[in-house]
């Protein structure tokens, strides 16, 4: 299993346990997601796209308000991050 695939699985597991995550854990996962999405976007050439920028901004805002997120909001944002990373992984795998 690649590191990216492992991280996607970690995000999905965390989303399924959103009610048990601390704000620190949520913030850490979201910050890792932002870093991963930025790097993968740069590698795929979609770094300048508005969609990629919007996703990163949304994740950063969610990270900043991690203490205020409900478990449902936490679940949704973690699943969104996993979905974007999965999509970028597919794009990168297609370039090889």
C-alpha atoms as a PDB file:
ATOM      1  CA  UNK A   1       0.000   0.000   0.000  1.00  0.00           C
ATOM      2  CA  UNK A   2       1.427   3.394  -0.984  1.00  0.00           C
ATOM      3  CA  UNK A   3       1.728   6.226   1.517  1.00  0.00           C
ATOM      4  CA  UNK A   4      -1.021   8.104  -0.302  1.00  0.00           C
ATOM      5  CA  UNK A   5      -3.373   5.136  -0.196  1.00  0.00           C
ATOM      6  CA  UNK A   6      -2.560   4.666   3.481  1.00  0.00           C
ATOM      7  CA  UNK A   7      -3.344   8.324   4.195  1.00  0.00           C
ATOM      8  CA  UNK A   8      -6.658   8.104   2.308  1.00  0.00           C
ATOM      9  CA  UNK A   9      -7.581   5.077   4.439  1.00  0.00           C
ATOM     10  CA  UNK A  10      -6.556   6.978   7.582  1.00  0.00           C
ATOM     11  CA  UNK A  11      -8.835   9.883   6.623  1.00  0.00           C
ATOM     12  CA  UNK A  12     -11.763   7.554   5.992  1.00  0.00           C
ATOM     13  CA  UNK A  13     -11.215   5.716   9.301  1.00  0.00           C
ATOM     14  CA  UNK A  14     -11.051   9.062  11.105  1.00  0.00           C
ATOM     15  CA  UNK A  15     -14.255  10.216   9.382  1.00  0.00           C
ATOM     16  CA  UNK A  16     -15.997   7.073  10.609  1.00  0.00           C
ATOM     17  CA  UNK A  17     -14.876   7.899  14.157  1.00  0.00           C
ATOM     18  CA  UNK A  18     -15.404  11.671  13.943  1.00  0.00           C
ATOM     19  CA  UNK A  19     -17.249  11.779  17.262  1.00  0.00           C
ATOM     20  CA  UNK A  20     -14.163  10.408  19.050  1.00  0.00           C
ATOM     21  CA  UNK A  21     -11.545  12.737  17.516  1.00  0.00           C
ATOM     22  CA  UNK A  22     -10.053  15.606  19.466  1.00  0.00           C
ATOM     23  CA  UNK A  23      -9.810  19.040  17.832  1.00  0.00           C
ATOM     24  CA  UNK A  24      -6.021  18.574  17.755  1.00  0.00           C
ATOM     25  CA  UNK A  25      -6.369  15.312  15.798  1.00  0.00           C
ATOM     26  CA  UNK A  26      -8.805  16.912  13.352  1.00  0.00           C
ATOM     27  CA  UNK A  27      -6.496  19.888  12.850  1.00  0.00           C
ATOM     28  CA  UNK A  28      -3.495  17.600  12.292  1.00  0.00           C
ATOM     29  CA  UNK A  29      -5.349  15.515   9.695  1.00  0.00           C
ATOM     30  CA  UNK A  30      -6.631  18.584   7.870  1.00  0.00           C
ATOM     31  CA  UNK A  31      -3.201  20.236   7.811  1.00  0.00           C
ATOM     32  CA  UNK A  32      -1.668  17.026   6.432  1.00  0.00           C
ATOM     33  CA  UNK A  33      -4.426  16.957   3.824  1.00  0.00           C
ATOM     34  CA  UNK A  34      -3.662  20.529   2.766  1.00  0.00           C
ATOM     35  CA  UNK A  35       0.045  19.725   2.405  1.00  0.00           C
ATOM     36  CA  UNK A  36      -0.706  16.530   0.481  1.00  0.00           C
ATOM     37  CA  UNK A  37      -3.183  18.224  -1.861  1.00  0.00           C
ATOM     38  CA  UNK A  38      -0.794  21.100  -2.561  1.00  0.00           C
ATOM     39  CA  UNK A  39       2.075  18.757  -3.400  1.00  0.00           C
ATOM     40  CA  UNK A  40      -0.039  16.416  -5.512  1.00  0.00           C
ATOM     41  CA  UNK A  41      -1.661  19.365  -7.315  1.00  0.00           C
ATOM     42  CA  UNK A  42       1.782  20.712  -8.149  1.00  0.00           C
ATOM     43  CA  UNK A  43       2.834  17.308  -9.493  1.00  0.00           C
ATOM     44  CA  UNK A  44      -0.286  16.954 -11.662  1.00  0.00           C
ATOM     45  CA  UNK A  45      -0.172  20.509 -12.953  1.00  0.00           C
ATOM     46  CA  UNK A  46      -3.564  21.483 -11.507  1.00  0.00           C
ATOM     47  CA  UNK A  47      -1.997  23.581  -8.747  1.00  0.00           C
ATOM     48  CA  UNK A  48      -3.289  26.804 -10.260  1.00  0.00           C
ATOM     49  CA  UNK A  49      -6.846  25.611 -10.810  1.00  0.00           C
ATOM     50  CA  UNK A  50      -9.610  27.360  -8.925  1.00  0.00           C
ATOM     51  CA  UNK A  51     -11.024  24.025  -7.727  1.00  0.00           C
ATOM     52  CA  UNK A  52      -7.735  23.023  -6.100  1.00  0.00           C
ATOM     53  CA  UNK A  53      -7.387  26.446  -4.470  1.00  0.00           C
ATOM     54  CA  UNK A  54     -10.972  26.357  -3.159  1.00  0.00           C
ATOM     55  CA  UNK A  55     -10.488  22.920  -1.622  1.00  0.00           C
ATOM     56  CA  UNK A  56      -7.276  23.989   0.102  1.00  0.00           C
ATOM     57  CA  UNK A  57      -8.925  27.144   1.430  1.00  0.00           C
ATOM     58  CA  UNK A  58     -11.932  25.169   2.703  1.00  0.00           C
ATOM     59  CA  UNK A  59      -9.642  22.700   4.483  1.00  0.00           C
ATOM     60  CA  UNK A  60      -7.604  25.513   6.038  1.00  0.00           C
ATOM     61  CA  UNK A  61     -10.756  27.221   7.315  1.00  0.00           C
ATOM     62  CA  UNK A  62     -12.024  23.931   8.741  1.00  0.00           C
ATOM     63  CA  UNK A  63      -8.653  23.346  10.392  1.00  0.00           C
ATOM     64  CA  UNK A  64      -8.779  26.789  12.004  1.00  0.00           C
ATOM     65  CA  UNK A  65     -12.236  26.097  13.420  1.00  0.00           C
ATOM     66  CA  UNK A  66     -11.617  22.462  14.383  1.00  0.00           C
ATOM     67  CA  UNK A  67     -12.866  23.112  17.927  1.00  0.00           C
ATOM     68  CA  UNK A  68     -16.210  24.333  16.589  1.00  0.00           C
ATOM     69  CA  UNK A  69     -16.891  21.540  14.089  1.00  0.00           C
ATOM     70  CA  UNK A  70     -19.660  19.071  14.838  1.00  0.00           C
ATOM     71  CA  UNK A  71     -18.905  15.371  14.327  1.00  0.00           C
ATOM     72  CA  UNK A  72     -21.000  15.467  11.132  1.00  0.00           C
ATOM     73  CA  UNK A  73     -19.060  18.461   9.786  1.00  0.00           C
ATOM     74  CA  UNK A  74     -15.787  16.786  10.726  1.00  0.00           C
ATOM     75  CA  UNK A  75     -16.835  13.592   8.951  1.00  0.00           C
ATOM     76  CA  UNK A  76     -17.848  15.472   5.804  1.00  0.00           C
ATOM     77  CA  UNK A  77     -14.661  17.533   5.562  1.00  0.00           C
ATOM     78  CA  UNK A  78     -12.421  14.502   6.163  1.00  0.00           C
ATOM     79  CA  UNK A  79     -14.272  12.557   3.464  1.00  0.00           C
ATOM     80  CA  UNK A  80     -13.939  15.532   1.094  1.00  0.00           C
ATOM     81  CA  UNK A  81     -10.192  15.621   1.726  1.00  0.00           C
ATOM     82  CA  UNK A  82      -9.919  11.865   1.123  1.00  0.00           C
ATOM     83  CA  UNK A  83     -11.900  12.189  -2.115  1.00  0.00           C
ATOM     84  CA  UNK A  84      -9.708  15.001  -3.479  1.00  0.00           C
ATOM     85  CA  UNK A  85      -6.517  13.126  -2.594  1.00  0.00           C
ATOM     86  CA  UNK A  86      -7.916   9.978  -4.226  1.00  0.00           C
ATOM     87  CA  UNK A  87      -8.744  11.931  -7.388  1.00  0.00           C
ATOM     88  CA  UNK A  88      -5.249  13.446  -7.505  1.00  0.00           C
ATOM     89  CA  UNK A  89      -3.709  10.004  -6.985  1.00  0.00           C
ATOM     90  CA  UNK A  90      -5.674   8.688  -9.957  1.00  0.00           C
ATOM     91  CA  UNK A  91      -4.426  11.617 -12.066  1.00  0.00           C
ATOM     92  CA  UNK A  92      -0.832  10.985 -10.989  1.00  0.00           C
ATOM     93  CA  UNK A  93      -1.087   7.246 -11.612  1.00  0.00           C
ATOM     94  CA  UNK A  94      -2.420   8.020 -15.093  1.00  0.00           C
ATOM     95  CA  UNK A  95       0.616  10.192 -15.871  1.00  0.00           C
ATOM     96  CA  UNK A  96       3.017   7.318 -15.240  1.00  0.00           C
END
